[in-house]
N, C-alpha and C. Protein backbone atom coordinates (compact mmCIF):
# COMPACT_ATOMS: atom_id res chain seq x y z
N ARG A 1 -23.71 -82.97 -193.43
CA ARG A 1 -23.37 -82.13 -192.31
C ARG A 1 -24.27 -82.44 -191.13
N TYR A 2 -25.56 -82.55 -191.35
CA TYR A 2 -26.49 -82.89 -190.28
C TYR A 2 -26.88 -84.35 -190.42
N HIS A 3 -26.97 -85.01 -189.31
CA HIS A 3 -27.34 -86.43 -189.33
C HIS A 3 -28.63 -86.59 -188.52
N PHE A 4 -29.70 -86.97 -189.22
CA PHE A 4 -30.97 -87.19 -188.57
C PHE A 4 -31.36 -88.65 -188.73
N ARG A 5 -32.05 -89.14 -187.74
CA ARG A 5 -32.58 -90.50 -187.83
C ARG A 5 -34.07 -90.39 -187.62
N ILE A 6 -34.83 -90.76 -188.60
CA ILE A 6 -36.28 -90.71 -188.50
C ILE A 6 -36.76 -92.02 -187.91
N GLN A 7 -37.56 -91.90 -186.87
CA GLN A 7 -38.02 -93.09 -186.17
C GLN A 7 -39.48 -92.89 -185.78
N HIS A 8 -40.29 -93.90 -186.04
CA HIS A 8 -41.71 -93.83 -185.66
C HIS A 8 -41.83 -94.00 -184.15
N ARG A 9 -42.67 -93.15 -183.56
CA ARG A 9 -42.99 -93.29 -182.14
C ARG A 9 -44.50 -93.36 -182.02
N PRO A 10 -45.00 -94.37 -181.34
CA PRO A 10 -46.46 -94.47 -181.16
C PRO A 10 -47.00 -93.26 -180.39
N GLY A 11 -48.28 -93.01 -180.54
CA GLY A 11 -48.92 -91.85 -179.93
C GLY A 11 -48.70 -91.73 -178.44
N LYS A 12 -48.65 -92.85 -177.72
CA LYS A 12 -48.46 -92.80 -176.27
C LYS A 12 -47.11 -92.19 -175.89
N GLU A 13 -46.16 -92.25 -176.79
CA GLU A 13 -44.84 -91.69 -176.51
C GLU A 13 -44.75 -90.20 -176.87
N HIS A 14 -45.84 -89.63 -177.38
CA HIS A 14 -45.86 -88.22 -177.77
C HIS A 14 -46.78 -87.40 -176.88
N LEU A 15 -47.02 -87.85 -175.67
CA LEU A 15 -47.95 -87.13 -174.80
C LEU A 15 -47.48 -85.72 -174.48
N ASN A 16 -46.17 -85.52 -174.33
CA ASN A 16 -45.69 -84.18 -174.01
C ASN A 16 -46.00 -83.21 -175.15
N ALA A 17 -45.74 -83.60 -176.38
CA ALA A 17 -46.04 -82.73 -177.52
C ALA A 17 -47.54 -82.57 -177.69
N ASP A 18 -48.27 -83.63 -177.47
CA ASP A 18 -49.73 -83.58 -177.63
C ASP A 18 -50.34 -82.61 -176.63
N GLY A 19 -49.93 -82.69 -175.39
CA GLY A 19 -50.48 -81.82 -174.35
C GLY A 19 -50.12 -80.36 -174.57
N MET A 20 -48.91 -80.11 -175.05
CA MET A 20 -48.48 -78.73 -175.27
C MET A 20 -49.16 -78.10 -176.48
N SER A 21 -49.64 -78.93 -177.41
CA SER A 21 -50.24 -78.38 -178.63
C SER A 21 -51.73 -78.10 -178.48
N ARG A 22 -52.34 -78.55 -177.41
CA ARG A 22 -53.78 -78.35 -177.24
C ARG A 22 -54.08 -76.93 -176.77
N ARG A 23 -55.20 -76.42 -177.24
CA ARG A 23 -55.65 -75.10 -176.81
C ARG A 23 -56.19 -75.19 -175.39
N PRO A 24 -56.04 -74.13 -174.62
CA PRO A 24 -56.63 -74.14 -173.27
C PRO A 24 -58.14 -74.22 -173.34
N CYS A 25 -58.72 -74.80 -172.34
CA CYS A 25 -60.17 -74.95 -172.27
C CYS A 25 -60.81 -73.59 -172.05
N ALA A 26 -61.84 -73.28 -172.82
CA ALA A 26 -62.50 -71.98 -172.70
C ALA A 26 -63.68 -72.03 -171.73
N GLU A 27 -64.05 -73.22 -171.29
CA GLU A 27 -65.21 -73.37 -170.42
C GLU A 27 -64.86 -72.92 -169.00
N MET A 28 -65.66 -72.02 -168.46
CA MET A 28 -65.43 -71.54 -167.09
C MET A 28 -65.86 -72.63 -166.09
N GLY A 29 -65.04 -72.84 -165.08
CA GLY A 29 -65.38 -73.80 -164.04
C GLY A 29 -65.17 -75.25 -164.43
N CYS A 30 -64.40 -75.50 -165.48
CA CYS A 30 -64.13 -76.86 -165.92
C CYS A 30 -63.39 -77.62 -164.81
N LYS A 31 -63.96 -78.76 -164.38
CA LYS A 31 -63.36 -79.50 -163.26
C LYS A 31 -61.98 -80.03 -163.61
N TYR A 32 -61.79 -80.45 -164.84
CA TYR A 32 -60.49 -80.95 -165.27
C TYR A 32 -59.44 -79.84 -165.17
N CYS A 33 -59.78 -78.66 -165.69
CA CYS A 33 -58.84 -77.54 -165.67
C CYS A 33 -58.52 -77.10 -164.24
N LEU A 34 -59.53 -77.12 -163.37
CA LEU A 34 -59.31 -76.75 -161.98
C LEU A 34 -58.33 -77.71 -161.31
N ARG A 35 -58.47 -79.01 -161.60
CA ARG A 35 -57.53 -80.00 -161.04
C ARG A 35 -56.12 -79.73 -161.52
N ILE A 36 -55.97 -79.42 -162.80
CA ILE A 36 -54.65 -79.14 -163.36
C ILE A 36 -54.05 -77.90 -162.69
N GLU A 37 -54.86 -76.86 -162.50
CA GLU A 37 -54.39 -75.64 -161.85
C GLU A 37 -53.96 -75.92 -160.41
N GLN A 38 -54.71 -76.76 -159.71
CA GLN A 38 -54.36 -77.09 -158.33
C GLN A 38 -53.05 -77.85 -158.28
N LYS A 39 -52.85 -78.78 -159.23
CA LYS A 39 -51.58 -79.52 -159.28
C LYS A 39 -50.42 -78.58 -159.56
N ALA A 40 -50.63 -77.65 -160.51
CA ALA A 40 -49.57 -76.70 -160.85
C ALA A 40 -49.24 -75.82 -159.65
N ALA A 41 -50.24 -75.40 -158.91
CA ALA A 41 -50.01 -74.58 -157.72
C ALA A 41 -49.23 -75.36 -156.68
N ALA A 42 -49.55 -76.63 -156.51
CA ALA A 42 -48.83 -77.46 -155.55
C ALA A 42 -47.37 -77.61 -155.95
N ILE A 43 -47.13 -77.79 -157.25
CA ILE A 43 -45.75 -77.90 -157.74
C ILE A 43 -45.01 -76.59 -157.50
N ALA A 44 -45.67 -75.47 -157.77
CA ALA A 44 -45.03 -74.17 -157.57
C ALA A 44 -44.66 -73.97 -156.10
N GLU A 45 -45.51 -74.43 -155.19
CA GLU A 45 -45.22 -74.30 -153.76
C GLU A 45 -43.97 -75.09 -153.40
N VAL A 46 -43.84 -76.30 -153.97
CA VAL A 46 -42.69 -77.14 -153.68
C VAL A 46 -41.43 -76.54 -154.27
N CYS A 47 -41.54 -75.93 -155.46
CA CYS A 47 -40.37 -75.41 -156.16
C CYS A 47 -39.86 -74.11 -155.56
N GLY A 48 -40.65 -73.42 -154.78
CA GLY A 48 -40.20 -72.17 -154.18
C GLY A 48 -39.13 -72.44 -153.14
N VAL A 49 -37.92 -71.98 -153.40
CA VAL A 49 -36.81 -72.23 -152.49
C VAL A 49 -36.33 -70.91 -151.92
N LYS A 50 -36.15 -70.86 -150.62
CA LYS A 50 -35.59 -69.67 -149.99
C LYS A 50 -34.11 -69.90 -149.78
N LEU A 51 -33.31 -68.99 -150.32
CA LEU A 51 -31.86 -69.12 -150.21
C LEU A 51 -31.38 -68.33 -149.00
N GLU A 52 -30.35 -68.83 -148.38
CA GLU A 52 -29.78 -68.16 -147.22
C GLU A 52 -28.75 -67.13 -147.71
N THR A 53 -29.24 -66.05 -148.28
CA THR A 53 -28.38 -64.97 -148.73
C THR A 53 -28.95 -63.65 -148.22
N THR A 54 -28.13 -62.63 -148.22
CA THR A 54 -28.56 -61.34 -147.69
C THR A 54 -28.94 -60.39 -148.81
N GLU A 55 -29.67 -59.35 -148.44
CA GLU A 55 -30.01 -58.31 -149.41
C GLU A 55 -28.73 -57.66 -149.95
N LEU A 56 -27.75 -57.50 -149.09
CA LEU A 56 -26.48 -56.91 -149.51
C LEU A 56 -25.84 -57.75 -150.61
N HIS A 57 -25.87 -59.07 -150.44
CA HIS A 57 -25.30 -59.97 -151.46
C HIS A 57 -25.97 -59.74 -152.81
N TRP A 58 -27.32 -59.72 -152.82
CA TRP A 58 -28.05 -59.54 -154.09
C TRP A 58 -27.84 -58.15 -154.66
N ARG A 59 -27.83 -57.15 -153.81
CA ARG A 59 -27.62 -55.77 -154.27
C ARG A 59 -26.27 -55.65 -154.97
N GLU A 60 -25.22 -56.18 -154.35
CA GLU A 60 -23.88 -56.10 -154.93
C GLU A 60 -23.79 -56.92 -156.21
N ALA A 61 -24.40 -58.11 -156.21
CA ALA A 61 -24.36 -58.95 -157.40
C ALA A 61 -25.09 -58.28 -158.58
N GLN A 62 -26.23 -57.67 -158.30
CA GLN A 62 -26.98 -57.00 -159.36
C GLN A 62 -26.25 -55.75 -159.86
N GLN A 63 -25.63 -55.03 -158.96
CA GLN A 63 -24.91 -53.82 -159.38
C GLN A 63 -23.66 -54.14 -160.20
N SER A 64 -23.06 -55.30 -159.96
CA SER A 64 -21.87 -55.67 -160.72
C SER A 64 -22.21 -56.35 -162.05
N ASP A 65 -23.46 -56.72 -162.23
CA ASP A 65 -23.90 -57.36 -163.48
C ASP A 65 -24.36 -56.27 -164.45
N PRO A 66 -23.82 -56.26 -165.68
CA PRO A 66 -24.18 -55.18 -166.61
C PRO A 66 -25.67 -55.14 -166.97
N VAL A 67 -26.31 -56.29 -167.07
CA VAL A 67 -27.73 -56.32 -167.45
C VAL A 67 -28.60 -55.82 -166.31
N THR A 68 -28.48 -56.43 -165.13
CA THR A 68 -29.35 -56.01 -164.03
C THR A 68 -29.05 -54.58 -163.59
N ASN A 69 -27.79 -54.17 -163.68
CA ASN A 69 -27.44 -52.79 -163.33
C ASN A 69 -28.15 -51.81 -164.26
N LYS A 70 -28.13 -52.11 -165.55
CA LYS A 70 -28.79 -51.25 -166.53
C LYS A 70 -30.30 -51.19 -166.29
N VAL A 71 -30.90 -52.35 -166.03
CA VAL A 71 -32.34 -52.40 -165.80
C VAL A 71 -32.71 -51.68 -164.50
N MET A 72 -31.85 -51.76 -163.49
CA MET A 72 -32.10 -51.03 -162.25
C MET A 72 -32.14 -49.53 -162.51
N GLU A 73 -31.32 -49.05 -163.42
CA GLU A 73 -31.35 -47.63 -163.79
C GLU A 73 -32.70 -47.28 -164.41
N TRP A 74 -33.20 -48.15 -165.29
CA TRP A 74 -34.51 -47.91 -165.92
C TRP A 74 -35.59 -47.79 -164.85
N VAL A 75 -35.57 -48.76 -163.92
CA VAL A 75 -36.62 -48.81 -162.90
C VAL A 75 -36.51 -47.61 -161.95
N THR A 76 -35.31 -47.27 -161.55
CA THR A 76 -35.09 -46.15 -160.64
C THR A 76 -35.60 -44.84 -161.23
N THR A 77 -35.34 -44.65 -162.52
CA THR A 77 -35.76 -43.40 -163.18
C THR A 77 -37.17 -43.50 -163.77
N ALA A 78 -37.77 -44.69 -163.68
CA ALA A 78 -39.10 -44.94 -164.27
C ALA A 78 -39.11 -44.61 -165.76
N GLN A 79 -38.00 -44.90 -166.43
CA GLN A 79 -37.86 -44.63 -167.86
C GLN A 79 -37.53 -45.91 -168.61
N ARG A 80 -38.54 -46.50 -169.20
CA ARG A 80 -38.31 -47.68 -170.03
C ARG A 80 -37.85 -47.20 -171.40
N PRO A 81 -36.68 -47.65 -171.85
CA PRO A 81 -36.18 -47.16 -173.14
C PRO A 81 -37.04 -47.69 -174.30
N PRO A 82 -37.02 -47.01 -175.42
CA PRO A 82 -37.77 -47.51 -176.57
C PRO A 82 -37.16 -48.83 -177.07
N TRP A 83 -37.99 -49.65 -177.69
CA TRP A 83 -37.56 -50.96 -178.18
C TRP A 83 -36.36 -50.85 -179.11
N GLU A 84 -36.30 -49.80 -179.88
CA GLU A 84 -35.19 -49.63 -180.84
C GLU A 84 -33.83 -49.60 -180.14
N GLU A 85 -33.80 -49.14 -178.90
CA GLU A 85 -32.55 -49.11 -178.15
C GLU A 85 -32.21 -50.47 -177.54
N VAL A 86 -33.20 -51.33 -177.40
CA VAL A 86 -33.01 -52.60 -176.71
C VAL A 86 -32.85 -53.77 -177.69
N VAL A 87 -33.35 -53.62 -178.89
CA VAL A 87 -33.42 -54.72 -179.84
C VAL A 87 -32.06 -55.39 -180.10
N SER A 88 -30.98 -54.65 -180.01
CA SER A 88 -29.67 -55.23 -180.28
C SER A 88 -29.03 -55.86 -179.04
N HIS A 89 -29.68 -55.78 -177.88
CA HIS A 89 -29.14 -56.34 -176.64
C HIS A 89 -29.41 -57.84 -176.54
N ASP A 90 -28.87 -58.45 -175.51
CA ASP A 90 -29.03 -59.89 -175.29
C ASP A 90 -30.46 -60.24 -174.84
N GLY A 91 -30.74 -61.53 -174.80
CA GLY A 91 -32.08 -62.01 -174.44
C GLY A 91 -32.51 -61.64 -173.04
N ASP A 92 -31.59 -61.62 -172.08
CA ASP A 92 -31.94 -61.24 -170.70
C ASP A 92 -32.44 -59.80 -170.64
N THR A 93 -31.74 -58.92 -171.32
CA THR A 93 -32.14 -57.51 -171.33
C THR A 93 -33.51 -57.35 -171.97
N LYS A 94 -33.74 -58.06 -173.06
CA LYS A 94 -35.04 -57.97 -173.74
C LYS A 94 -36.16 -58.51 -172.85
N ALA A 95 -35.89 -59.60 -172.16
CA ALA A 95 -36.92 -60.19 -171.28
C ALA A 95 -37.26 -59.24 -170.14
N LEU A 96 -36.27 -58.61 -169.57
CA LEU A 96 -36.52 -57.66 -168.48
C LEU A 96 -37.20 -56.39 -169.01
N TRP A 97 -36.87 -55.99 -170.23
CA TRP A 97 -37.55 -54.86 -170.86
C TRP A 97 -39.04 -55.17 -170.99
N ALA A 98 -39.35 -56.41 -171.42
CA ALA A 98 -40.75 -56.82 -171.58
C ALA A 98 -41.48 -56.88 -170.25
N ALA A 99 -40.76 -57.17 -169.18
CA ALA A 99 -41.37 -57.29 -167.84
C ALA A 99 -41.29 -55.98 -167.06
N PHE A 100 -40.94 -54.89 -167.71
CA PHE A 100 -40.68 -53.62 -167.03
C PHE A 100 -41.79 -53.22 -166.05
N ASN A 101 -43.03 -53.39 -166.42
CA ASN A 101 -44.15 -52.97 -165.55
C ASN A 101 -44.28 -53.83 -164.30
N ARG A 102 -43.61 -54.98 -164.27
CA ARG A 102 -43.67 -55.84 -163.08
C ARG A 102 -42.40 -55.73 -162.24
N LEU A 103 -41.47 -54.88 -162.63
CA LEU A 103 -40.21 -54.74 -161.91
C LEU A 103 -40.26 -53.56 -160.95
N HIS A 104 -39.61 -53.74 -159.81
CA HIS A 104 -39.42 -52.63 -158.89
C HIS A 104 -38.21 -52.95 -158.00
N ILE A 105 -37.81 -51.99 -157.24
CA ILE A 105 -36.64 -52.16 -156.37
C ILE A 105 -37.11 -52.14 -154.93
N THR A 106 -36.75 -53.20 -154.20
CA THR A 106 -37.07 -53.33 -152.78
C THR A 106 -35.77 -53.43 -152.01
N ASP A 107 -35.53 -52.48 -151.13
CA ASP A 107 -34.29 -52.45 -150.33
C ASP A 107 -33.05 -52.55 -151.20
N GLY A 108 -33.07 -51.87 -152.34
CA GLY A 108 -31.92 -51.83 -153.23
C GLY A 108 -31.76 -53.05 -154.11
N VAL A 109 -32.73 -53.97 -154.09
CA VAL A 109 -32.65 -55.20 -154.88
C VAL A 109 -33.74 -55.19 -155.94
N LEU A 110 -33.37 -55.49 -157.18
CA LEU A 110 -34.31 -55.56 -158.29
C LEU A 110 -35.14 -56.83 -158.17
N VAL A 111 -36.46 -56.67 -158.12
CA VAL A 111 -37.36 -57.81 -158.00
C VAL A 111 -38.46 -57.71 -159.06
N ARG A 112 -39.03 -58.86 -159.36
CA ARG A 112 -40.14 -58.94 -160.31
C ARG A 112 -41.36 -59.41 -159.55
N ARG A 113 -42.48 -58.76 -159.77
CA ARG A 113 -43.75 -59.14 -159.15
C ARG A 113 -44.35 -60.26 -159.99
N TRP A 114 -44.72 -61.35 -159.33
CA TRP A 114 -45.36 -62.47 -160.00
C TRP A 114 -46.68 -62.76 -159.31
N GLU A 115 -47.70 -63.04 -160.11
CA GLU A 115 -48.96 -63.48 -159.52
C GLU A 115 -49.55 -64.57 -160.40
N ASN A 116 -50.29 -65.47 -159.76
CA ASN A 116 -50.89 -66.57 -160.50
C ASN A 116 -52.04 -66.05 -161.35
N ASP A 117 -52.60 -66.93 -162.18
CA ASP A 117 -53.66 -66.53 -163.12
C ASP A 117 -54.88 -65.94 -162.44
N THR A 118 -55.20 -66.41 -161.26
CA THR A 118 -56.41 -65.94 -160.58
C THR A 118 -56.13 -64.73 -159.70
N GLY A 119 -54.87 -64.38 -159.52
CA GLY A 119 -54.52 -63.24 -158.69
C GLY A 119 -54.59 -63.52 -157.20
N THR A 120 -54.74 -64.79 -156.84
CA THR A 120 -54.85 -65.13 -155.42
C THR A 120 -53.50 -65.28 -154.74
N LYS A 121 -52.45 -65.40 -155.53
CA LYS A 121 -51.12 -65.54 -154.95
C LYS A 121 -50.17 -64.57 -155.65
N VAL A 122 -49.52 -63.75 -154.87
CA VAL A 122 -48.58 -62.77 -155.39
C VAL A 122 -47.27 -62.94 -154.63
N CYS A 123 -46.15 -62.91 -155.35
CA CYS A 123 -44.86 -62.96 -154.67
C CYS A 123 -43.85 -62.13 -155.44
N GLU A 124 -42.77 -61.83 -154.79
CA GLU A 124 -41.68 -61.10 -155.41
C GLU A 124 -40.55 -62.08 -155.68
N GLN A 125 -40.01 -61.99 -156.88
CA GLN A 125 -38.90 -62.85 -157.28
C GLN A 125 -37.67 -61.97 -157.48
N ILE A 126 -36.58 -62.34 -156.87
CA ILE A 126 -35.34 -61.61 -157.09
C ILE A 126 -34.89 -61.86 -158.52
N VAL A 127 -34.50 -60.80 -159.22
CA VAL A 127 -33.94 -60.95 -160.56
C VAL A 127 -32.49 -61.39 -160.37
N VAL A 128 -32.23 -62.64 -160.73
CA VAL A 128 -30.93 -63.24 -160.46
C VAL A 128 -29.96 -62.91 -161.59
N PRO A 129 -28.83 -62.26 -161.27
CA PRO A 129 -27.83 -61.96 -162.29
C PRO A 129 -27.20 -63.23 -162.84
N LEU A 130 -26.68 -63.13 -164.05
CA LEU A 130 -26.13 -64.29 -164.74
C LEU A 130 -25.10 -65.04 -163.89
N GLN A 131 -24.19 -64.34 -163.25
CA GLN A 131 -23.11 -65.01 -162.50
C GLN A 131 -23.60 -65.76 -161.27
N GLU A 132 -24.86 -65.51 -160.85
CA GLU A 132 -25.42 -66.16 -159.66
C GLU A 132 -26.35 -67.33 -159.99
N ARG A 133 -26.70 -67.50 -161.25
CA ARG A 133 -27.73 -68.48 -161.61
C ARG A 133 -27.35 -69.92 -161.31
N LYS A 134 -26.14 -70.28 -161.57
CA LYS A 134 -25.72 -71.66 -161.31
C LYS A 134 -25.87 -71.98 -159.82
N GLY A 135 -25.46 -71.06 -158.97
CA GLY A 135 -25.59 -71.27 -157.53
C GLY A 135 -27.02 -71.41 -157.08
N VAL A 136 -27.91 -70.59 -157.68
CA VAL A 136 -29.32 -70.67 -157.33
C VAL A 136 -29.90 -72.01 -157.79
N LEU A 137 -29.55 -72.43 -158.98
CA LEU A 137 -30.09 -73.69 -159.50
C LEU A 137 -29.58 -74.90 -158.73
N THR A 138 -28.34 -74.89 -158.32
CA THR A 138 -27.82 -76.02 -157.57
C THR A 138 -28.34 -76.03 -156.14
N ALA A 139 -28.70 -74.86 -155.61
CA ALA A 139 -29.26 -74.79 -154.25
C ALA A 139 -30.66 -75.38 -154.21
N ALA A 140 -31.35 -75.31 -155.34
CA ALA A 140 -32.72 -75.83 -155.39
C ALA A 140 -32.67 -77.33 -155.41
């Protein structure tokens, strides 16, 4: 039923797995780690895309989406439901439940507060409903 092909790959071809499996450096002020953080910050700056859409567009899209609409109710009432009520829902609902403390509504639009590890950069991210994701990804 399953067809696998086992193939040897030299260590140089496993750099992605090797890098992901390493523990983060615990040394404060490590020059190597600082360089990596600076590169990641530069990538994040490049990846930030501003879309030419209105608050009304996002508000309507979120209200018509069952997941974001439900989460907006939680945020509006400041009532995060117990996990037992959420456990049977889809992955998007669970992820937003986990991020509840970082969610708020700005001008009728559900947003998530994001900040980098050092707290020096804070931004708001629109919670993009499922039906809008393809458009957002292709716009980037």
